[in-house]
Amino acid sequence: MTRAVDHFADRLRAAPQSRLQRGAAAEALGLARELSRRAQQLEEPLAEVREMPDAGMFAAADQITVAGHDLALVLKDEGEMENAVRLVEEAQKRAGV
């Protein structure tokens, strides 16, 4: 899981600003929010989910890294891990990086 997240984050950091503006950063933020939501629900199922804020296109790589690593720490089994990796890979394809 963390390898897939780190790879996507590295690709975002290397992407030109124009690529980030054309949707890669928005795709990354959407992924970060989903990963964060999943981690929160596993850690505190009864708590209200807090949405990750939009910290700007240049923070998107860091946001998916933090959210992805947090989720990896709380995943319970290999099936959940595979599902999360698939989610990251699909978002990276949509981002075009």
N, C-alpha and C. Protein backbone atom coordinates (compact mmCIF):
# COMPACT_ATOMS: atom_id res chain seq x y z
N MET A 1 0.83 -1.19 0.00
CA MET A 1 0.00 0.00 0.00
C MET A 1 0.87 1.25 0.00
N THR A 2 1.81 1.31 0.93
CA THR A 2 2.62 2.52 1.02
C THR A 2 3.48 2.71 -0.23
N ARG A 3 3.88 1.62 -0.85
CA ARG A 3 4.68 1.73 -2.08
C ARG A 3 3.86 2.41 -3.18
N ALA A 4 2.61 2.01 -3.33
CA ALA A 4 1.74 2.60 -4.36
C ALA A 4 1.49 4.08 -4.07
N VAL A 5 1.25 4.41 -2.82
CA VAL A 5 1.01 5.80 -2.43
C VAL A 5 2.27 6.63 -2.67
N ASP A 6 3.40 6.12 -2.25
CA ASP A 6 4.66 6.85 -2.43
C ASP A 6 4.98 7.06 -3.91
N HIS A 7 4.69 6.07 -4.73
CA HIS A 7 4.93 6.18 -6.17
C HIS A 7 4.06 7.29 -6.77
N PHE A 8 2.78 7.29 -6.43
CA PHE A 8 1.87 8.32 -6.92
C PHE A 8 2.34 9.70 -6.45
N ALA A 9 2.70 9.81 -5.19
CA ALA A 9 3.17 11.09 -4.65
C ALA A 9 4.43 11.57 -5.37
N ASP A 10 5.36 10.68 -5.62
CA ASP A 10 6.57 11.05 -6.35
C ASP A 10 6.25 11.55 -7.75
N ARG A 11 5.31 10.88 -8.41
CA ARG A 11 4.91 11.30 -9.76
C ARG A 11 4.25 12.69 -9.73
N LEU A 12 3.46 12.94 -8.70
CA LEU A 12 2.84 14.27 -8.56
C LEU A 12 3.90 15.34 -8.34
N ARG A 13 4.88 15.05 -7.50
CA ARG A 13 5.93 16.03 -7.23
C ARG A 13 6.74 16.35 -8.47
N ALA A 14 6.87 15.37 -9.36
CA ALA A 14 7.65 15.57 -10.59
C ALA A 14 6.81 16.16 -11.73
N ALA A 15 5.51 16.21 -11.55
CA ALA A 15 4.62 16.69 -12.62
C ALA A 15 4.73 18.20 -12.77
N PRO A 16 4.60 18.67 -14.00
CA PRO A 16 4.59 20.12 -14.20
C PRO A 16 3.33 20.76 -13.61
N GLN A 17 3.42 22.02 -13.29
CA GLN A 17 2.28 22.73 -12.71
C GLN A 17 1.06 22.64 -13.62
N SER A 18 1.27 22.69 -14.91
CA SER A 18 0.13 22.62 -15.84
C SER A 18 -0.63 21.31 -15.69
N ARG A 19 0.08 20.21 -15.46
CA ARG A 19 -0.58 18.91 -15.26
C ARG A 19 -1.38 18.91 -13.97
N LEU A 20 -0.80 19.49 -12.93
CA LEU A 20 -1.51 19.58 -11.65
C LEU A 20 -2.78 20.40 -11.81
N GLN A 21 -2.69 21.50 -12.54
CA GLN A 21 -3.85 22.37 -12.75
C GLN A 21 -4.92 21.70 -13.61
N ARG A 22 -4.53 20.82 -14.50
CA ARG A 22 -5.50 20.16 -15.38
C ARG A 22 -6.23 19.00 -14.70
N GLY A 23 -6.00 18.80 -13.45
CA GLY A 23 -6.80 17.81 -12.75
C GLY A 23 -6.04 16.81 -11.90
N ALA A 24 -4.73 16.71 -12.07
CA ALA A 24 -3.98 15.73 -11.29
C ALA A 24 -4.05 16.04 -9.80
N ALA A 25 -3.95 17.31 -9.45
CA ALA A 25 -4.00 17.68 -8.03
C ALA A 25 -5.39 17.43 -7.45
N ALA A 26 -6.41 17.73 -8.21
CA ALA A 26 -7.78 17.49 -7.74
C ALA A 26 -8.03 15.99 -7.55
N GLU A 27 -7.51 15.18 -8.46
CA GLU A 27 -7.65 13.72 -8.33
C GLU A 27 -6.92 13.25 -7.08
N ALA A 28 -5.74 13.78 -6.84
CA ALA A 28 -4.97 13.40 -5.65
C ALA A 28 -5.69 13.81 -4.37
N LEU A 29 -6.26 15.00 -4.36
CA LEU A 29 -7.00 15.44 -3.18
C LEU A 29 -8.20 14.53 -2.93
N GLY A 30 -8.90 14.16 -3.98
CA GLY A 30 -10.03 13.25 -3.83
C GLY A 30 -9.58 11.92 -3.24
N LEU A 31 -8.45 11.42 -3.71
CA LEU A 31 -7.90 10.17 -3.17
C LEU A 31 -7.51 10.34 -1.71
N ALA A 32 -6.82 11.42 -1.40
CA ALA A 32 -6.40 11.65 -0.02
C ALA A 32 -7.61 11.70 0.92
N ARG A 33 -8.66 12.36 0.47
CA ARG A 33 -9.87 12.44 1.30
C ARG A 33 -10.49 11.06 1.50
N GLU A 34 -10.51 10.25 0.45
CA GLU A 34 -11.08 8.90 0.56
C GLU A 34 -10.23 8.01 1.47
N LEU A 35 -8.92 8.07 1.31
CA LEU A 35 -8.04 7.27 2.17
C LEU A 35 -8.18 7.70 3.63
N SER A 36 -8.25 9.00 3.85
CA SER A 36 -8.42 9.53 5.20
C SER A 36 -9.76 9.09 5.80
N ARG A 37 -10.81 9.16 4.99
CA ARG A 37 -12.13 8.75 5.46
C ARG A 37 -12.12 7.29 5.89
N ARG A 38 -11.50 6.45 5.07
CA ARG A 38 -11.44 5.02 5.39
C ARG A 38 -10.65 4.76 6.66
N ALA A 39 -9.54 5.44 6.82
CA ALA A 39 -8.73 5.26 8.03
C ALA A 39 -9.51 5.70 9.27
N GLN A 40 -10.18 6.84 9.17
CA GLN A 40 -10.95 7.32 10.31
C GLN A 40 -12.06 6.35 10.68
N GLN A 41 -12.73 5.79 9.68
CA GLN A 41 -13.83 4.87 9.97
C GLN A 41 -13.32 3.58 10.62
N LEU A 42 -12.13 3.15 10.26
CA LEU A 42 -11.57 1.95 10.89
C LEU A 42 -11.10 2.24 12.31
N GLU A 43 -10.53 3.42 12.51
CA GLU A 43 -10.01 3.77 13.84
C GLU A 43 -11.12 4.13 14.82
N GLU A 44 -12.09 4.89 14.34
CA GLU A 44 -13.17 5.37 15.21
C GLU A 44 -14.51 5.26 14.47
N PRO A 45 -15.06 4.06 14.41
CA PRO A 45 -16.27 3.84 13.61
C PRO A 45 -17.47 4.71 13.98
N LEU A 46 -17.56 5.13 15.22
CA LEU A 46 -18.72 5.91 15.66
C LEU A 46 -18.49 7.42 15.60
N ALA A 47 -17.27 7.84 15.34
CA ALA A 47 -16.96 9.27 15.30
C ALA A 47 -17.35 9.88 13.96
N GLU A 48 -17.60 11.16 13.98
CA GLU A 48 -17.90 11.89 12.75
C GLU A 48 -16.61 12.00 11.92
N VAL A 49 -16.72 11.73 10.64
CA VAL A 49 -15.55 11.79 9.75
C VAL A 49 -15.21 13.25 9.48
N ARG A 50 -13.93 13.57 9.61
CA ARG A 50 -13.43 14.91 9.33
C ARG A 50 -12.85 14.92 7.92
N GLU A 51 -13.22 15.89 7.10
CA GLU A 51 -12.74 15.95 5.73
C GLU A 51 -11.37 16.63 5.67
N MET A 52 -10.48 16.00 4.93
CA MET A 52 -9.17 16.59 4.73
C MET A 52 -9.34 17.89 3.94
N PRO A 53 -8.72 18.97 4.41
CA PRO A 53 -8.90 20.25 3.72
C PRO A 53 -8.11 20.31 2.41
N ASP A 54 -8.51 21.21 1.56
CA ASP A 54 -7.77 21.47 0.32
C ASP A 54 -6.64 22.42 0.68
N ALA A 55 -5.42 21.92 0.69
CA ALA A 55 -4.25 22.72 1.05
C ALA A 55 -3.53 23.25 -0.18
N GLY A 56 -4.13 23.10 -1.34
CA GLY A 56 -3.52 23.60 -2.57
C GLY A 56 -2.86 22.50 -3.38
N MET A 57 -2.69 22.78 -4.66
CA MET A 57 -2.22 21.74 -5.57
C MET A 57 -0.81 21.24 -5.25
N PHE A 58 0.02 22.08 -4.65
CA PHE A 58 1.38 21.65 -4.37
C PHE A 58 1.47 20.80 -3.10
N ALA A 59 0.40 20.73 -2.34
CA ALA A 59 0.35 19.89 -1.14
C ALA A 59 -0.28 18.54 -1.39
N ALA A 60 -0.84 18.33 -2.57
CA ALA A 60 -1.58 17.10 -2.85
C ALA A 60 -0.74 15.85 -2.66
N ALA A 61 0.52 15.88 -3.08
CA ALA A 61 1.38 14.70 -2.92
C ALA A 61 1.58 14.37 -1.44
N ASP A 62 1.80 15.39 -0.63
CA ASP A 62 1.97 15.15 0.80
C ASP A 62 0.68 14.65 1.44
N GLN A 63 -0.45 15.15 0.96
CA GLN A 63 -1.72 14.73 1.53
C GLN A 63 -2.01 13.25 1.25
N ILE A 64 -1.72 12.79 0.03
CA ILE A 64 -1.97 11.37 -0.22
C ILE A 64 -0.96 10.51 0.52
N THR A 65 0.25 11.01 0.71
CA THR A 65 1.25 10.25 1.47
C THR A 65 0.79 10.05 2.91
N VAL A 66 0.39 11.13 3.55
CA VAL A 66 -0.05 11.05 4.96
C VAL A 66 -1.28 10.16 5.08
N ALA A 67 -2.28 10.40 4.24
CA ALA A 67 -3.52 9.63 4.33
C ALA A 67 -3.28 8.15 4.02
N GLY A 68 -2.45 7.88 3.02
CA GLY A 68 -2.16 6.50 2.64
C GLY A 68 -1.41 5.74 3.72
N HIS A 69 -0.43 6.39 4.32
CA HIS A 69 0.33 5.73 5.38
C HIS A 69 -0.54 5.51 6.62
N ASP A 70 -1.40 6.48 6.92
CA ASP A 70 -2.34 6.31 8.04
C ASP A 70 -3.25 5.12 7.80
N LEU A 71 -3.79 5.02 6.60
CA LEU A 71 -4.68 3.90 6.30
C LEU A 71 -3.94 2.57 6.37
N ALA A 72 -2.73 2.52 5.83
CA ALA A 72 -1.97 1.28 5.85
C ALA A 72 -1.76 0.76 7.28
N LEU A 73 -1.65 1.65 8.23
CA LEU A 73 -1.44 1.25 9.62
C LEU A 73 -2.66 0.58 10.24
N VAL A 74 -3.85 0.88 9.73
CA VAL A 74 -5.06 0.35 10.37
C VAL A 74 -5.78 -0.72 9.56
N LEU A 75 -5.31 -1.00 8.35
CA LEU A 75 -5.95 -2.05 7.55
C LEU A 75 -5.78 -3.39 8.25
N LYS A 76 -6.82 -4.20 8.19
CA LYS A 76 -6.85 -5.44 8.97
C LYS A 76 -6.40 -6.68 8.21
N ASP A 77 -6.55 -6.70 6.89
CA ASP A 77 -6.20 -7.93 6.18
C ASP A 77 -5.73 -7.62 4.76
N GLU A 78 -5.26 -8.66 4.10
CA GLU A 78 -4.70 -8.53 2.76
C GLU A 78 -5.74 -8.05 1.74
N GLY A 79 -6.98 -8.47 1.90
CA GLY A 79 -8.03 -8.04 0.99
C GLY A 79 -8.26 -6.54 1.05
N GLU A 80 -8.28 -6.00 2.26
CA GLU A 80 -8.43 -4.54 2.42
C GLU A 80 -7.24 -3.82 1.81
N MET A 81 -6.05 -4.38 1.98
CA MET A 81 -4.84 -3.79 1.45
C MET A 81 -4.88 -3.77 -0.08
N GLU A 82 -5.29 -4.88 -0.68
CA GLU A 82 -5.38 -4.95 -2.15
C GLU A 82 -6.40 -3.95 -2.68
N ASN A 83 -7.52 -3.81 -1.99
CA ASN A 83 -8.54 -2.86 -2.39
C ASN A 83 -8.00 -1.43 -2.34
N ALA A 84 -7.26 -1.11 -1.31
CA ALA A 84 -6.69 0.23 -1.17
C ALA A 84 -5.64 0.51 -2.25
N VAL A 85 -4.82 -0.48 -2.54
CA VAL A 85 -3.81 -0.33 -3.59
C VAL A 85 -4.49 -0.09 -4.93
N ARG A 86 -5.53 -0.82 -5.20
CA ARG A 86 -6.28 -0.66 -6.45
C ARG A 86 -6.86 0.76 -6.54
N LEU A 87 -7.37 1.26 -5.45
CA LEU A 87 -7.91 2.61 -5.39
C LEU A 87 -6.83 3.65 -5.76
N VAL A 88 -5.64 3.47 -5.21
CA VAL A 88 -4.53 4.38 -5.49
C VAL A 88 -4.12 4.30 -6.96
N GLU A 89 -3.98 3.09 -7.47
CA GLU A 89 -3.56 2.91 -8.86
C GLU A 89 -4.58 3.49 -9.84
N GLU A 90 -5.86 3.33 -9.55
CA GLU A 90 -6.89 3.89 -10.42
C GLU A 90 -6.86 5.41 -10.40
N ALA A 91 -6.66 6.00 -9.24
CA ALA A 91 -6.58 7.46 -9.12
C ALA A 91 -5.37 7.99 -9.86
N GLN A 92 -4.26 7.26 -9.78
CA GLN A 92 -3.06 7.70 -10.49
C GLN A 92 -3.29 7.68 -12.00
N LYS A 93 -3.95 6.67 -12.49
CA LYS A 93 -4.26 6.61 -13.93
C LYS A 93 -5.15 7.79 -14.33
N ARG A 94 -6.17 8.06 -13.54
CA ARG A 94 -7.06 9.19 -13.87
C ARG A 94 -6.32 10.52 -13.82
N ALA A 95 -5.34 10.61 -12.92
CA ALA A 95 -4.56 11.85 -12.80
C ALA A 95 -3.59 12.03 -13.97
N GLY A 96 -3.26 10.93 -14.61
CA GLY A 96 -2.36 11.02 -15.77
C GLY A 96 -0.92 11.30 -15.43
N VAL A 97 -0.49 10.83 -14.27
CA VAL A 97 0.92 11.01 -13.90
C VAL A 97 1.59 9.68 -13.64
